[in-house]
PDB file of all heavy atoms in Angstrom:
ATOM      1  N   TYR A   1       0.003  -0.054  -9.535  1.00  0.00           N
ATOM      2  CA  TYR A   1      -0.553  -0.542 -10.789  1.00  0.00           C
ATOM      3  C   TYR A   1      -0.390   0.521 -11.859  1.00  0.00           C
ATOM      4  O   TYR A   1      -0.509   1.719 -11.587  1.00  0.00           O
ATOM      5  CB  TYR A   1      -2.044  -0.875 -10.659  1.00  0.00           C
ATOM      6  CG  TYR A   1      -2.362  -1.934  -9.638  1.00  0.00           C
ATOM      7  CD1 TYR A   1      -2.775  -1.578  -8.357  1.00  0.00           C
ATOM      8  CD2 TYR A   1      -2.260  -3.283  -9.956  1.00  0.00           C
ATOM      9  CE1 TYR A   1      -3.070  -2.552  -7.409  1.00  0.00           C
ATOM     10  CE2 TYR A   1      -2.554  -4.254  -9.019  1.00  0.00           C
ATOM     11  CZ  TYR A   1      -2.957  -3.885  -7.752  1.00  0.00           C
ATOM     12  OH  TYR A   1      -3.253  -4.858  -6.816  1.00  0.00           O
ATOM     13  N   MET A   2      -0.137   0.085 -13.068  1.00  0.00           N
ATOM     14  CA  MET A   2      -0.184   0.944 -14.231  1.00  0.00           C
ATOM     15  C   MET A   2      -0.984   0.231 -15.305  1.00  0.00           C
ATOM     16  O   MET A   2      -1.083  -0.994 -15.306  1.00  0.00           O
ATOM     17  CB  MET A   2       1.205   1.299 -14.746  1.00  0.00           C
ATOM     18  CG  MET A   2       2.012   2.135 -13.759  1.00  0.00           C
ATOM     19  SD  MET A   2       3.551   2.789 -14.451  1.00  0.00           S
ATOM     20  CE  MET A   2       2.908   4.001 -15.616  1.00  0.00           C
ATOM     21  N   GLY A   3      -1.552   1.006 -16.201  1.00  0.00           N
ATOM     22  CA  GLY A   3      -2.360   0.371 -17.221  1.00  0.00           C
ATOM     23  C   GLY A   3      -2.649   1.267 -18.399  1.00  0.00           C
ATOM     24  O   GLY A   3      -2.270   2.441 -18.428  1.00  0.00           O
ATOM     25  N   TRP A   4      -3.322   0.670 -19.362  1.00  0.00           N
ATOM     26  CA  TRP A   4      -3.766   1.362 -20.555  1.00  0.00           C
ATOM     27  C   TRP A   4      -5.280   1.331 -20.639  1.00  0.00           C
ATOM     28  O   TRP A   4      -5.902   0.279 -20.453  1.00  0.00           O
ATOM     29  CB  TRP A   4      -3.175   0.718 -21.814  1.00  0.00           C
ATOM     30  CG  TRP A   4      -1.695   0.882 -21.942  1.00  0.00           C
ATOM     31  CD1 TRP A   4      -0.726   0.031 -21.511  1.00  0.00           C
ATOM     32  CD2 TRP A   4      -1.012   1.979 -22.557  1.00  0.00           C
ATOM     33  NE1 TRP A   4       0.520   0.519 -21.814  1.00  0.00           N
ATOM     34  CE2 TRP A   4       0.374   1.724 -22.462  1.00  0.00           C
ATOM     35  CE3 TRP A   4      -1.436   3.147 -23.181  1.00  0.00           C
ATOM     36  CZ2 TRP A   4       1.337   2.590 -22.960  1.00  0.00           C
ATOM     37  CZ3 TRP A   4      -0.477   4.018 -23.681  1.00  0.00           C
ATOM     38  CH2 TRP A   4       0.890   3.730 -23.563  1.00  0.00           C
ATOM     39  N   PHE A   5      -5.858   2.477 -20.911  1.00  0.00           N
ATOM     40  CA  PHE A   5      -7.279   2.628 -21.166  1.00  0.00           C
ATOM     41  C   PHE A   5      -7.436   3.268 -22.535  1.00  0.00           C
ATOM     42  O   PHE A   5      -6.491   3.859 -23.060  1.00  0.00           O
ATOM     43  CB  PHE A   5      -7.936   3.502 -20.094  1.00  0.00           C
ATOM     44  CG  PHE A   5      -7.956   2.893 -18.720  1.00  0.00           C
ATOM     45  CD1 PHE A   5      -6.796   2.755 -17.972  1.00  0.00           C
ATOM     46  CD2 PHE A   5      -9.153   2.453 -18.163  1.00  0.00           C
ATOM     47  CE1 PHE A   5      -6.814   2.202 -16.707  1.00  0.00           C
ATOM     48  CE2 PHE A   5      -9.188   1.902 -16.891  1.00  0.00           C
ATOM     49  CZ  PHE A   5      -8.018   1.767 -16.169  1.00  0.00           C
ATOM     50  N   ARG A   6      -8.619   3.156 -23.113  1.00  0.00           N
ATOM     51  CA  ARG A   6      -8.843   3.776 -24.411  1.00  0.00           C
ATOM     52  C   ARG A   6     -10.242   4.362 -24.489  1.00  0.00           C
ATOM     53  O   ARG A   6     -11.146   3.941 -23.772  1.00  0.00           O
ATOM     54  CB  ARG A   6      -8.626   2.774 -25.548  1.00  0.00           C
ATOM     55  CG  ARG A   6      -9.671   1.670 -25.636  1.00  0.00           C
ATOM     56  CD  ARG A   6      -9.261   0.637 -26.677  1.00  0.00           C
ATOM     57  NE  ARG A   6     -10.300  -0.359 -26.893  1.00  0.00           N
ATOM     58  CZ  ARG A   6     -10.149  -1.438 -27.649  1.00  0.00           C
ATOM     59  NH1 ARG A   6      -8.997  -1.658 -28.278  1.00  0.00           N
ATOM     60  NH2 ARG A   6     -11.148  -2.297 -27.795  1.00  0.00           N
ATOM     61  N   GLN A   7     -10.397   5.336 -25.368  1.00  0.00           N
ATOM     62  CA  GLN A   7     -11.690   5.969 -25.567  1.00  0.00           C
ATOM     63  C   GLN A   7     -11.895   6.235 -27.044  1.00  0.00           C
ATOM     64  O   GLN A   7     -11.119   6.964 -27.663  1.00  0.00           O
ATOM     65  CB  GLN A   7     -11.802   7.269 -24.769  1.00  0.00           C
ATOM     66  CG  GLN A   7     -13.181   7.895 -24.813  1.00  0.00           C
ATOM     67  CD  GLN A   7     -13.341   9.010 -23.803  1.00  0.00           C
ATOM     68  OE1 GLN A   7     -12.369   9.599 -23.353  1.00  0.00           O
ATOM     69  NE2 GLN A   7     -14.576   9.297 -23.433  1.00  0.00           N
ATOM     70  N   ALA A   8     -12.936   5.637 -27.602  1.00  0.00           N
ATOM     71  CA  ALA A   8     -13.305   5.846 -28.991  1.00  0.00           C
ATOM     72  C   ALA A   8     -14.358   6.938 -29.082  1.00  0.00           C
ATOM     73  O   ALA A   8     -15.061   7.216 -28.106  1.00  0.00           O
ATOM     74  CB  ALA A   8     -13.833   4.551 -29.593  1.00  0.00           C
ATOM     75  N   PRO A   9     -14.494   7.574 -30.245  1.00  0.00           N
ATOM     76  CA  PRO A   9     -15.513   8.619 -30.394  1.00  0.00           C
ATOM     77  C   PRO A   9     -16.906   8.120 -30.041  1.00  0.00           C
ATOM     78  O   PRO A   9     -17.327   7.056 -30.497  1.00  0.00           O
ATOM     79  CB  PRO A   9     -15.419   8.987 -31.877  1.00  0.00           C
ATOM     80  CG  PRO A   9     -14.008   8.654 -32.246  1.00  0.00           C
ATOM     81  CD  PRO A   9     -13.685   7.419 -31.455  1.00  0.00           C
ATOM     82  N   GLY A  10     -17.616   8.868 -29.208  1.00  0.00           N
ATOM     83  CA  GLY A  10     -18.963   8.511 -28.820  1.00  0.00           C
ATOM     84  C   GLY A  10     -19.061   7.434 -27.771  1.00  0.00           C
ATOM     85  O   GLY A  10     -20.171   7.013 -27.429  1.00  0.00           O
ATOM     86  N   LYS A  11     -17.944   6.967 -27.241  1.00  0.00           N
ATOM     87  CA  LYS A  11     -17.946   5.914 -26.242  1.00  0.00           C
ATOM     88  C   LYS A  11     -17.238   6.367 -24.978  1.00  0.00           C
ATOM     89  O   LYS A  11     -16.447   7.307 -24.994  1.00  0.00           O
ATOM     90  CB  LYS A  11     -17.277   4.650 -26.775  1.00  0.00           C
ATOM     91  CG  LYS A  11     -17.981   4.006 -27.952  1.00  0.00           C
ATOM     92  CD  LYS A  11     -17.303   2.715 -28.356  1.00  0.00           C
ATOM     93  CE  LYS A  11     -18.036   2.030 -29.494  1.00  0.00           C
ATOM     94  NZ  LYS A  11     -17.372   0.759 -29.879  1.00  0.00           N
ATOM     95  N   GLU A  12     -17.531   5.679 -23.877  1.00  0.00           N
ATOM     96  CA  GLU A  12     -16.856   5.961 -22.624  1.00  0.00           C
ATOM     97  C   GLU A  12     -15.470   5.327 -22.605  1.00  0.00           C
ATOM     98  O   GLU A  12     -15.186   4.378 -23.340  1.00  0.00           O
ATOM     99  CB  GLU A  12     -17.684   5.448 -21.447  1.00  0.00           C
ATOM    100  CG  GLU A  12     -19.032   6.136 -21.286  1.00  0.00           C
ATOM    101  CD  GLU A  12     -19.780   5.661 -20.067  1.00  0.00           C
ATOM    102  OE1 GLU A  12     -19.302   4.730 -19.390  1.00  0.00           O
ATOM    103  OE2 GLU A  12     -20.847   6.224 -19.770  1.00  0.00           O
ATOM    104  N   ARG A  13     -14.616   5.853 -21.753  1.00  0.00           N
ATOM    105  CA  ARG A  13     -13.296   5.284 -21.604  1.00  0.00           C
ATOM    106  C   ARG A  13     -13.399   3.861 -21.053  1.00  0.00           C
ATOM    107  O   ARG A  13     -14.204   3.583 -20.165  1.00  0.00           O
ATOM    108  CB  ARG A  13     -12.466   6.159 -20.668  1.00  0.00           C
ATOM    109  CG  ARG A  13     -11.028   5.703 -20.478  1.00  0.00           C
ATOM    110  CD  ARG A  13     -10.264   6.700 -19.616  1.00  0.00           C
ATOM    111  NE  ARG A  13     -10.101   7.986 -20.289  1.00  0.00           N
ATOM    112  CZ  ARG A  13      -9.581   9.068 -19.723  1.00  0.00           C
ATOM    113  NH1 ARG A  13      -9.185   9.026 -18.459  1.00  0.00           N
ATOM    114  NH2 ARG A  13      -9.470  10.189 -20.412  1.00  0.00           N
ATOM    115  N   GLU A  14     -12.584   2.946 -21.594  1.00  0.00           N
ATOM    116  CA  GLU A  14     -12.625   1.567 -21.174  1.00  0.00           C
ATOM    117  C   GLU A  14     -11.225   1.026 -20.917  1.00  0.00           C
ATOM    118  O   GLU A  14     -10.239   1.485 -21.500  1.00  0.00           O
ATOM    119  CB  GLU A  14     -13.331   0.689 -22.216  1.00  0.00           C
ATOM    120  CG  GLU A  14     -12.628   0.635 -23.560  1.00  0.00           C
ATOM    121  CD  GLU A  14     -13.381  -0.194 -24.582  1.00  0.00           C
ATOM    122  OE1 GLU A  14     -14.473  -0.713 -24.272  1.00  0.00           O
ATOM    123  OE2 GLU A  14     -12.875  -0.333 -25.718  1.00  0.00           O
ATOM    124  N   PHE A  15     -11.165   0.032 -20.058  1.00  0.00           N
ATOM    125  CA  PHE A  15      -9.906  -0.600 -19.700  1.00  0.00           C
ATOM    126  C   PHE A  15      -9.402  -1.489 -20.823  1.00  0.00           C
ATOM    127  O   PHE A  15     -10.184  -2.169 -21.491  1.00  0.00           O
ATOM    128  CB  PHE A  15     -10.098  -1.425 -18.426  1.00  0.00           C
ATOM    129  CG  PHE A  15      -8.931  -2.294 -18.061  1.00  0.00           C
ATOM    130  CD1 PHE A  15      -7.800  -1.753 -17.472  1.00  0.00           C
ATOM    131  CD2 PHE A  15      -8.964  -3.658 -18.298  1.00  0.00           C
ATOM    132  CE1 PHE A  15      -6.726  -2.538 -17.129  1.00  0.00           C
ATOM    133  CE2 PHE A  15      -7.897  -4.462 -17.958  1.00  0.00           C
ATOM    134  CZ  PHE A  15      -6.777  -3.898 -17.368  1.00  0.00           C
ATOM    135  N   VAL A  16      -8.085  -1.502 -21.016  1.00  0.00           N
ATOM    136  CA  VAL A  16      -7.454  -2.350 -22.018  1.00  0.00           C
ATOM    137  C   VAL A  16      -6.547  -3.393 -21.369  1.00  0.00           C
ATOM    138  O   VAL A  16      -6.713  -4.591 -21.570  1.00  0.00           O
ATOM    139  CB  VAL A  16      -6.645  -1.521 -23.034  1.00  0.00           C
ATOM    140  CG1 VAL A  16      -5.938  -2.438 -24.029  1.00  0.00           C
ATOM    141  CG2 VAL A  16      -7.553  -0.539 -23.759  1.00  0.00           C
ATOM    142  N   ALA A  17      -5.574  -2.945 -20.595  1.00  0.00           N
ATOM    143  CA  ALA A  17      -4.607  -3.853 -19.976  1.00  0.00           C
ATOM    144  C   ALA A  17      -3.972  -3.181 -18.770  1.00  0.00           C
ATOM    145  O   ALA A  17      -3.792  -1.969 -18.749  1.00  0.00           O
ATOM    146  CB  ALA A  17      -3.524  -4.257 -20.978  1.00  0.00           C
ATOM    147  N   GLY A  18      -3.600  -3.988 -17.770  1.00  0.00           N
ATOM    148  CA  GLY A  18      -2.956  -3.471 -16.576  1.00  0.00           C
ATOM    149  C   GLY A  18      -1.808  -4.353 -16.135  1.00  0.00           C
ATOM    150  O   GLY A  18      -1.748  -5.534 -16.470  1.00  0.00           O
ATOM    151  N   ILE A  19      -0.895  -3.766 -15.359  1.00  0.00           N
ATOM    152  CA  ILE A  19       0.253  -4.502 -14.848  1.00  0.00           C
ATOM    153  C   ILE A  19       0.550  -4.016 -13.434  1.00  0.00           C
ATOM    154  O   ILE A  19       0.509  -2.819 -13.148  1.00  0.00           O
ATOM    155  CB  ILE A  19       1.473  -4.347 -15.784  1.00  0.00           C
ATOM    156  CG1 ILE A  19       2.613  -5.267 -15.349  1.00  0.00           C
ATOM    157  CG2 ILE A  19       1.933  -2.896 -15.873  1.00  0.00           C
ATOM    158  CD1 ILE A  19       3.686  -5.428 -16.417  1.00  0.00           C
ATOM    159  N   SER A  20       0.846  -4.943 -12.529  1.00  0.00           N
ATOM    160  CA  SER A  20       1.143  -4.612 -11.142  1.00  0.00           C
ATOM    161  C   SER A  20       2.635  -4.397 -10.948  1.00  0.00           C
ATOM    162  O   SER A  20       3.449  -4.681 -11.834  1.00  0.00           O
ATOM    163  CB  SER A  20       0.644  -5.714 -10.213  1.00  0.00           C
ATOM    164  OG  SER A  20       1.396  -6.904 -10.387  1.00  0.00           O
ATOM    165  N   TRP A  21       2.994  -3.928  -9.764  1.00  0.00           N
ATOM    166  CA  TRP A  21       4.398  -3.634  -9.473  1.00  0.00           C
ATOM    167  C   TRP A  21       5.278  -4.867  -9.585  1.00  0.00           C
ATOM    168  O   TRP A  21       6.469  -4.742  -9.910  1.00  0.00           O
ATOM    169  CB  TRP A  21       4.518  -3.030  -8.076  1.00  0.00           C
ATOM    170  CG  TRP A  21       4.160  -3.993  -6.981  1.00  0.00           C
ATOM    171  CD1 TRP A  21       2.929  -4.226  -6.451  1.00  0.00           C
ATOM    172  CD2 TRP A  21       5.067  -4.863  -6.288  1.00  0.00           C
ATOM    173  NE1 TRP A  21       2.999  -5.188  -5.472  1.00  0.00           N
ATOM    174  CE2 TRP A  21       4.296  -5.595  -5.349  1.00  0.00           C
ATOM    175  CE3 TRP A  21       6.436  -5.097  -6.365  1.00  0.00           C
ATOM    176  CZ2 TRP A  21       4.868  -6.544  -4.503  1.00  0.00           C
ATOM    177  CZ3 TRP A  21       7.008  -6.043  -5.521  1.00  0.00           C
ATOM    178  CH2 TRP A  21       6.220  -6.744  -4.601  1.00  0.00           C
ATOM    179  N   ASN A  22       4.712  -6.054  -9.313  1.00  0.00           N
ATOM    180  CA  ASN A  22       5.498  -7.283  -9.370  1.00  0.00           C
ATOM    181  C   ASN A  22       5.328  -8.045 -10.679  1.00  0.00           C
ATOM    182  O   ASN A  22       5.765  -9.185 -10.792  1.00  0.00           O
ATOM    183  CB  ASN A  22       5.164  -8.180  -8.184  1.00  0.00           C
ATOM    184  CG  ASN A  22       3.736  -8.683  -8.208  1.00  0.00           C
ATOM    185  OD1 ASN A  22       2.907  -8.219  -8.990  1.00  0.00           O
ATOM    186  ND2 ASN A  22       3.433  -9.638  -7.346  1.00  0.00           N
ATOM    187  N   GLY A  23       4.679  -7.430 -11.657  1.00  0.00           N
ATOM    188  CA  GLY A  23       4.602  -8.016 -12.984  1.00  0.00           C
ATOM    189  C   GLY A  23       3.330  -8.762 -13.322  1.00  0.00           C
ATOM    190  O   GLY A  23       3.221  -9.301 -14.434  1.00  0.00           O
ATOM    191  N   GLY A  24       2.362  -8.826 -12.408  1.00  0.00           N
ATOM    192  CA  GLY A  24       1.099  -9.446 -12.732  1.00  0.00           C
ATOM    193  C   GLY A  24       0.360  -8.656 -13.792  1.00  0.00           C
ATOM    194  O   GLY A  24       0.410  -7.427 -13.806  1.00  0.00           O
ATOM    195  N   VAL A  25      -0.336  -9.349 -14.688  1.00  0.00           N
ATOM    196  CA  VAL A  25      -1.022  -8.688 -15.794  1.00  0.00           C
ATOM    197  C   VAL A  25      -2.490  -9.071 -15.834  1.00  0.00           C
ATOM    198  O   VAL A  25      -2.898 -10.119 -15.316  1.00  0.00           O
ATOM    199  CB  VAL A  25      -0.361  -9.008 -17.154  1.00  0.00           C
ATOM    200  CG1 VAL A  25       1.071  -8.496 -17.183  1.00  0.00           C
ATOM    201  CG2 VAL A  25      -0.388 -10.514 -17.420  1.00  0.00           C
ATOM    202  N   TYR A  26      -3.284  -8.213 -16.461  1.00  0.00           N
ATOM    203  CA  TYR A  26      -4.723  -8.418 -16.581  1.00  0.00           C
ATOM    204  C   TYR A  26      -5.186  -7.715 -17.840  1.00  0.00           C
ATOM    205  O   TYR A  26      -4.804  -6.575 -18.095  1.00  0.00           O
ATOM    206  CB  TYR A  26      -5.440  -7.863 -15.353  1.00  0.00           C
ATOM    207  CG  TYR A  26      -6.922  -8.126 -15.307  1.00  0.00           C
ATOM    208  CD1 TYR A  26      -7.408  -9.407 -15.070  1.00  0.00           C
ATOM    209  CD2 TYR A  26      -7.836  -7.095 -15.477  1.00  0.00           C
ATOM    210  CE1 TYR A  26      -8.768  -9.649 -15.011  1.00  0.00           C
ATOM    211  CE2 TYR A  26      -9.200  -7.326 -15.421  1.00  0.00           C
ATOM    212  CZ  TYR A  26      -9.663  -8.610 -15.181  1.00  0.00           C
ATOM    213  OH  TYR A  26     -11.013  -8.843 -15.123  1.00  0.00           O
ATOM    214  N   TYR A  27      -6.032  -8.399 -18.627  1.00  0.00           N
ATOM    215  CA  TYR A  27      -6.471  -7.868 -19.907  1.00  0.00           C
ATOM    216  C   TYR A  27      -7.982  -7.861 -20.029  1.00  0.00           C
ATOM    217  O   TYR A  27      -8.669  -8.745 -19.490  1.00  0.00           O
ATOM    218  CB  TYR A  27      -5.910  -8.702 -21.057  1.00  0.00           C
ATOM    219  CG  TYR A  27      -4.406  -8.742 -21.145  1.00  0.00           C
ATOM    220  CD1 TYR A  27      -3.687  -9.792 -20.588  1.00  0.00           C
ATOM    221  CD2 TYR A  27      -3.706  -7.734 -21.799  1.00  0.00           C
ATOM    222  CE1 TYR A  27      -2.309  -9.838 -20.676  1.00  0.00           C
ATOM    223  CE2 TYR A  27      -2.326  -7.771 -21.884  1.00  0.00           C
ATOM    224  CZ  TYR A  27      -1.634  -8.822 -21.322  1.00  0.00           C
ATOM    225  OH  TYR A  27      -0.263  -8.864 -21.416  1.00  0.00           O
ATOM    226  N   ALA A  28      -8.475  -6.888 -20.774  1.00  0.00           N
ATOM    227  CA  ALA A  28      -9.867  -6.933 -21.192  1.00  0.00           C
ATOM    228  C   ALA A  28     -10.064  -8.116 -22.131  1.00  0.00           C
ATOM    229  O   ALA A  28      -9.159  -8.478 -22.893  1.00  0.00           O
ATOM    230  CB  ALA A  28     -10.252  -5.635 -21.891  1.00  0.00           C
ATOM    231  N   ASP A  29     -11.246  -8.727 -22.079  1.00  0.00           N
ATOM    232  CA  ASP A  29     -11.499  -9.927 -22.873  1.00  0.00           C
ATOM    233  C   ASP A  29     -11.270  -9.703 -24.364  1.00  0.00           C
ATOM    234  O   ASP A  29     -10.781 -10.599 -25.068  1.00  0.00           O
ATOM    235  CB  ASP A  29     -12.925 -10.420 -22.641  1.00  0.00           C
ATOM    236  CG  ASP A  29     -13.116 -11.058 -21.280  1.00  0.00           C
ATOM    237  OD1 ASP A  29     -12.110 -11.451 -20.652  1.00  0.00           O
ATOM    238  OD2 ASP A  29     -14.275 -11.172 -20.844  1.00  0.00           O
ATOM    239  N   TYR A  30     -11.604  -8.537 -24.843  1.00  0.00           N
ATOM    240  CA  TYR A  30     -11.552  -8.305 -26.284  1.00  0.00           C
ATOM    241  C   TYR A  30     -10.148  -8.097 -26.830  1.00  0.00           C
ATOM    242  O   TYR A  30      -9.969  -7.972 -28.043  1.00  0.00           O
ATOM    243  CB  TYR A  30     -12.459  -7.114 -26.662  1.00  0.00           C
ATOM    244  CG  TYR A  30     -12.318  -5.910 -25.779  1.00  0.00           C
ATOM    245  CD1 TYR A  30     -11.314  -4.974 -25.986  1.00  0.00           C
ATOM    246  CD2 TYR A  30     -13.215  -5.697 -24.726  1.00  0.00           C
ATOM    247  CE1 TYR A  30     -11.186  -3.862 -25.174  1.00  0.00           C
ATOM    248  CE2 TYR A  30     -13.099  -4.586 -23.903  1.00  0.00           C
ATOM    249  CZ  TYR A  30     -12.073  -3.675 -24.136  1.00  0.00           C
ATOM    250  OH  TYR A  30     -11.956  -2.569 -23.331  1.00  0.00           O
ATOM    251  N   VAL A  31      -9.131  -8.053 -25.949  1.00  0.00           N
ATOM    252  CA  VAL A  31      -7.749  -7.931 -26.429  1.00  0.00           C
ATOM    253  C   VAL A  31      -6.883  -9.123 -26.041  1.00  0.00           C
ATOM    254  O   VAL A  31      -5.718  -9.186 -26.458  1.00  0.00           O
ATOM    255  CB  VAL A  31      -7.081  -6.629 -25.945  1.00  0.00           C
ATOM    256  CG1 VAL A  31      -7.903  -5.425 -26.367  1.00  0.00           C
ATOM    257  CG2 VAL A  31      -6.867  -6.652 -24.437  1.00  0.00           C
ATOM    258  N   LYS A  32      -7.411 -10.072 -25.285  1.00  0.00           N
ATOM    259  CA  LYS A  32      -6.638 -11.243 -24.881  1.00  0.00           C
ATOM    260  C   LYS A  32      -6.146 -12.011 -26.104  1.00  0.00           C
ATOM    261  O   LYS A  32      -6.894 -12.265 -27.039  1.00  0.00           O
ATOM    262  CB  LYS A  32      -7.480 -12.163 -23.991  1.00  0.00           C
ATOM    263  CG  LYS A  32      -7.711 -11.632 -22.593  1.00  0.00           C
ATOM    264  CD  LYS A  32      -8.527 -12.607 -21.758  1.00  0.00           C
ATOM    265  CE  LYS A  32      -8.726 -12.098 -20.348  1.00  0.00           C
ATOM    266  NZ  LYS A  32      -9.563 -13.014 -19.539  1.00  0.00           N
ATOM    267  N   GLY A  33      -4.873 -12.373 -26.072  1.00  0.00           N
ATOM    268  CA  GLY A  33      -4.272 -13.080 -27.184  1.00  0.00           C
ATOM    269  C   GLY A  33      -3.750 -12.185 -28.277  1.00  0.00           C
ATOM    270  O   GLY A  33      -3.061 -12.659 -29.187  1.00  0.00           O
ATOM    271  N   ARG A  34      -4.067 -10.897 -28.224  1.00  0.00           N
ATOM    272  CA  ARG A  34      -3.615  -9.954 -29.240  1.00  0.00           C
ATOM    273  C   ARG A  34      -2.681  -8.886 -28.674  1.00  0.00           C
ATOM    274  O   ARG A  34      -1.736  -8.482 -29.343  1.00  0.00           O
ATOM    275  CB  ARG A  34      -4.800  -9.267 -29.914  1.00  0.00           C
ATOM    276  CG  ARG A  34      -5.743 -10.226 -30.644  1.00  0.00           C
ATOM    277  CD  ARG A  34      -6.748  -9.463 -31.497  1.00  0.00           C
ATOM    278  NE  ARG A  34      -7.608  -8.596 -30.697  1.00  0.00           N
ATOM    279  CZ  ARG A  34      -7.739  -7.273 -30.877  1.00  0.00           C
ATOM    280  NH1 ARG A  34      -7.051  -6.669 -31.838  1.00  0.00           N
ATOM    281  NH2 ARG A  34      -8.559  -6.561 -30.118  1.00  0.00           N
ATOM    282  N   PHE A  35      -2.961  -8.425 -27.451  1.00  0.00           N
ATOM    283  CA  PHE A  35      -2.174  -7.354 -26.841  1.00  0.00           C
ATOM    284  C   PHE A  35      -1.332  -7.908 -25.698  1.00  0.00           C
ATOM    285  O   PHE A  35      -1.741  -8.848 -24.998  1.00  0.00           O
ATOM    286  CB  PHE A  35      -3.082  -6.260 -26.274  1.00  0.00           C
ATOM    287  CG  PHE A  35      -3.834  -5.449 -27.300  1.00  0.00           C
ATOM    288  CD1 PHE A  35      -3.848  -5.786 -28.639  1.00  0.00           C
ATOM    289  CD2 PHE A  35      -4.543  -4.324 -26.894  1.00  0.00           C
ATOM    290  CE1 PHE A  35      -4.549  -5.037 -29.566  1.00  0.00           C
ATOM    291  CE2 PHE A  35      -5.243  -3.562 -27.818  1.00  0.00           C
ATOM    292  CZ  PHE A  35      -5.249  -3.917 -29.148  1.00  0.00           C
ATOM    293  N   THR A  36      -0.173  -7.309 -25.469  1.00  0.00           N
ATOM    294  CA  THR A  36       0.699  -7.682 -24.371  1.00  0.00           C
ATOM    295  C   THR A  36       1.205  -6.429 -23.667  1.00  0.00           C
ATOM    296  O   THR A  36       1.765  -5.543 -24.313  1.00  0.00           O
ATOM    297  CB  THR A  36       1.898  -8.505 -24.860  1.00  0.00           C
ATOM    298  OG1 THR A  36       1.444  -9.673 -25.542  1.00  0.00           O
ATOM    299  CG2 THR A  36       2.767  -8.923 -23.680  1.00  0.00           C
ATOM    300  N   ILE A  37       1.010  -6.365 -22.354  1.00  0.00           N
ATOM    301  CA  ILE A  37       1.528  -5.249 -21.569  1.00  0.00           C
ATOM    302  C   ILE A  37       2.810  -5.695 -20.875  1.00  0.00           C
ATOM    303  O   ILE A  37       2.928  -6.830 -20.415  1.00  0.00           O
ATOM    304  CB  ILE A  37       0.486  -4.745 -20.546  1.00  0.00           C
ATOM    305  CG1 ILE A  37       0.964  -3.445 -19.881  1.00  0.00           C
ATOM    306  CG2 ILE A  37       0.146  -5.805 -19.519  1.00  0.00           C
ATOM    307  CD1 ILE A  37      -0.109  -2.754 -19.047  1.00  0.00           C
ATOM    308  N   SER A  38       3.777  -4.805 -20.796  1.00  0.00           N
ATOM    309  CA  SER A  38       5.042  -5.108 -20.151  1.00  0.00           C
ATOM    310  C   SER A  38       5.628  -3.823 -19.585  1.00  0.00           C
ATOM    311  O   SER A  38       5.120  -2.734 -19.838  1.00  0.00           O
ATOM    312  CB  SER A  38       6.016  -5.762 -21.136  1.00  0.00           C
ATOM    313  OG  SER A  38       6.308  -4.900 -22.218  1.00  0.00           O
ATOM    314  N   LYS A  39       6.706  -3.953 -18.823  1.00  0.00           N
ATOM    315  CA  LYS A  39       7.334  -2.781 -18.238  1.00  0.00           C
ATOM    316  C   LYS A  39       8.836  -2.941 -18.160  1.00  0.00           C
ATOM    317  O   LYS A  39       9.358  -4.053 -18.144  1.00  0.00           O
ATOM    318  CB  LYS A  39       6.759  -2.492 -16.844  1.00  0.00           C
ATOM    319  CG  LYS A  39       6.973  -3.600 -15.821  1.00  0.00           C
ATOM    320  CD  LYS A  39       6.298  -3.239 -14.501  1.00  0.00           C
ATOM    321  CE  LYS A  39       6.390  -4.373 -13.495  1.00  0.00           C
ATOM    322  NZ  LYS A  39       7.793  -4.573 -13.041  1.00  0.00           N
ATOM    323  N   ASP A  40       9.524  -1.815 -18.112  1.00  0.00           N
ATOM    324  CA  ASP A  40      10.967  -1.757 -17.958  1.00  0.00           C
ATOM    325  C   ASP A  40      11.225  -0.799 -16.808  1.00  0.00           C
ATOM    326  O   ASP A  40      11.187   0.421 -16.997  1.00  0.00           O
ATOM    327  CB  ASP A  40      11.636  -1.289 -19.240  1.00  0.00           C
ATOM    328  CG  ASP A  40      13.152  -1.299 -19.156  1.00  0.00           C
ATOM    329  OD1 ASP A  40      13.699  -1.340 -18.043  1.00  0.00           O
ATOM    330  OD2 ASP A  40      13.799  -1.265 -20.220  1.00  0.00           O
ATOM    331  N   ASN A  41      11.459  -1.338 -15.625  1.00  0.00           N
ATOM    332  CA  ASN A  41      11.627  -0.496 -14.447  1.00  0.00           C
ATOM    333  C   ASN A  41      12.847   0.426 -14.557  1.00  0.00           C
ATOM    334  O   ASN A  41      12.828   1.544 -14.053  1.00  0.00           O
ATOM    335  CB  ASN A  41      11.742  -1.354 -13.194  1.00  0.00           C
ATOM    336  CG  ASN A  41      10.433  -2.003 -12.806  1.00  0.00           C
ATOM    337  OD1 ASN A  41       9.361  -1.579 -13.237  1.00  0.00           O
ATOM    338  ND2 ASN A  41      10.502  -3.038 -11.986  1.00  0.00           N
ATOM    339  N   ALA A  42      13.899  -0.046 -15.200  1.00  0.00           N
ATOM    340  CA  ALA A  42      15.104   0.759 -15.340  1.00  0.00           C
ATOM    341  C   ALA A  42      14.842   2.027 -16.138  1.00  0.00           C
ATOM    342  O   ALA A  42      15.493   3.046 -15.922  1.00  0.00           O
ATOM    343  CB  ALA A  42      16.213  -0.057 -15.989  1.00  0.00           C
ATOM    344  N   ARG A  43      13.906   1.960 -17.067  1.00  0.00           N
ATOM    345  CA  ARG A  43      13.562   3.115 -17.888  1.00  0.00           C
ATOM    346  C   ARG A  43      12.261   3.788 -17.454  1.00  0.00           C
ATOM    347  O   ARG A  43      11.833   4.749 -18.098  1.00  0.00           O
ATOM    348  CB  ARG A  43      13.465   2.711 -19.351  1.00  0.00           C
ATOM    349  CG  ARG A  43      14.772   2.191 -19.939  1.00  0.00           C
ATOM    350  CD  ARG A  43      14.647   1.885 -21.410  1.00  0.00           C
ATOM    351  NE  ARG A  43      15.902   1.444 -21.985  1.00  0.00           N
ATOM    352  CZ  ARG A  43      16.085   1.167 -23.272  1.00  0.00           C
ATOM    353  NH1 ARG A  43      15.073   1.284 -24.121  1.00  0.00           N
ATOM    354  NH2 ARG A  43      17.277   0.765 -23.704  1.00  0.00           N
TER     355      ARG A  43
END
């Protein structure tokens, strides 16, 4: 799995989006419909 997390000033680190080795994706509710995670295995 690989993913993106974020941390704002004064807040704890939180999950944003993740992607599995076979391309499955999962998003935090507050970014669904706005953010897209993807990967390029060759790079």
